[in-house]
Amino acid sequence: MARRNRRYAVPGAAQGMQTLKANVMKNEGYRVDPDRPDDVKYEVAKELGIPLQPGNNGTLTTESAGQVGGKIGGSMVREMIRLAQEQLANTEQQSK
């Protein structure tokens, strides 16, 4: 199956999301090439014992793929929530 193209709800958000992914995974202790942040998935997969390789992974189970994506996506969501809470707190302080 070919990889689908991601479409973000906000035009131009792709670069920001890639930067967020690189920063979050670097903070999690992974080596991340800022020009290729998607490659961190191979390091995450190796850590989890999942045989993810570049190219065809047709024998990989959905559960295994989800573990890799979940670790990356979960970290990104936690960081976005932290940033939103920080922004709210700053907004509330400024309005006092």
Protein backbone atom coordinates (compact mmCIF):
# COMPACT_ATOMS: atom_id res chain seq x y z
CA MET A 1 0.00 0.00 0.00
CA ALA A 2 1.37 3.42 -0.93
CA ARG A 3 1.84 6.01 1.74
CA ARG A 4 -0.95 8.54 1.77
CA ASN A 5 -0.25 12.23 1.64
CA ARG A 6 -0.95 14.06 4.88
CA ARG A 7 -3.33 16.97 4.68
CA TYR A 8 -3.34 19.39 7.55
CA ALA A 9 -6.40 21.46 8.42
CA VAL A 10 -4.27 24.59 8.55
CA PRO A 11 -2.48 25.41 5.29
CA GLY A 12 1.26 25.65 5.79
CA ALA A 13 1.25 23.66 9.04
CA ALA A 14 3.33 20.78 7.66
CA GLN A 15 6.72 22.40 8.34
CA GLY A 16 5.72 23.38 11.86
CA MET A 17 4.53 19.85 12.61
CA GLN A 18 7.79 18.39 11.34
CA THR A 19 9.74 20.82 13.53
CA LEU A 20 7.56 19.92 16.53
CA LYS A 21 8.14 16.22 15.90
CA ALA A 22 11.91 16.73 15.69
CA ASN A 23 12.03 18.79 18.89
CA VAL A 24 9.75 16.49 20.88
CA MET A 25 11.55 13.31 19.90
CA LYS A 26 14.93 14.94 20.57
CA ASN A 27 13.68 15.85 24.05
CA GLU A 28 12.58 12.23 24.48
CA GLY A 29 16.21 11.21 23.93
CA TYR A 30 16.15 10.11 20.30
CA ARG A 31 18.65 11.12 17.64
CA VAL A 32 16.70 13.17 15.13
CA ASP A 33 17.83 14.61 11.82
CA PRO A 34 15.90 17.91 11.63
CA ASP A 35 15.74 17.53 7.85
CA ARG A 36 14.22 14.04 8.12
CA PRO A 37 12.22 13.87 11.38
CA ASP A 38 10.08 10.99 10.06
CA ASP A 39 13.14 8.73 10.22
CA VAL A 40 12.93 8.72 14.02
CA LYS A 41 10.24 6.04 13.61
CA TYR A 42 12.96 3.48 12.84
CA GLU A 43 14.75 4.23 16.10
CA VAL A 44 11.47 4.05 18.03
CA ALA A 45 10.60 0.75 16.33
CA LYS A 46 13.99 -0.72 17.18
CA GLU A 47 13.56 0.29 20.83
CA LEU A 48 10.14 -1.40 20.88
CA GLY A 49 11.47 -4.53 19.15
CA ILE A 50 9.37 -3.96 16.03
CA PRO A 51 10.99 -4.90 12.69
CA LEU A 52 10.16 -1.67 10.84
CA GLN A 53 12.44 -1.09 7.85
CA PRO A 54 12.52 1.48 5.04
CA GLY A 55 10.46 0.25 2.10
CA ASN A 56 7.78 -2.42 2.16
CA ASN A 57 6.61 -3.52 5.61
CA GLY A 58 3.72 -5.64 4.39
CA THR A 59 4.23 -8.25 7.09
CA LEU A 60 4.08 -5.69 9.89
CA THR A 61 0.88 -5.94 11.92
CA THR A 62 -1.39 -2.98 12.43
CA GLU A 63 -0.81 -3.28 16.16
CA SER A 64 2.96 -3.04 15.74
CA ALA A 65 2.71 -0.05 13.42
CA GLY A 66 0.33 1.58 15.89
CA GLN A 67 2.80 1.13 18.74
CA VAL A 68 5.44 3.06 16.82
CA GLY A 69 3.07 5.81 15.70
CA GLY A 70 1.44 5.98 19.12
CA LYS A 71 4.73 6.58 20.88
CA ILE A 72 5.61 9.42 18.50
CA GLY A 73 2.11 10.91 18.24
CA GLY A 74 1.45 10.59 21.95
CA SER A 75 4.59 12.52 22.75
CA MET A 76 3.62 15.22 20.27
CA VAL A 77 0.11 15.54 21.71
CA ARG A 78 1.44 15.82 25.28
CA GLU A 79 3.77 18.63 24.15
CA MET A 80 0.96 20.45 22.29
CA ILE A 81 -1.22 20.27 25.41
CA ARG A 82 1.64 21.58 27.56
CA LEU A 83 2.20 24.47 25.15
CA ALA A 84 -1.52 25.32 25.07
CA GLN A 85 -1.72 25.30 28.88
CA GLU A 86 1.34 27.54 29.07
CA GLN A 87 -0.18 29.93 26.55
CA LEU A 88 -3.47 30.02 28.49
CA ALA A 89 -1.66 30.74 31.74
CA ASN A 90 0.28 33.59 30.09
CA THR A 91 -2.92 35.03 28.61
CA GLU A 92 -4.67 34.92 31.99
CA GLN A 93 -1.70 36.62 33.70
CA GLN A 94 -1.65 39.41 31.11
CA SER A 95 -5.37 40.09 31.50
CA LYS A 96 -5.09 40.67 35.27
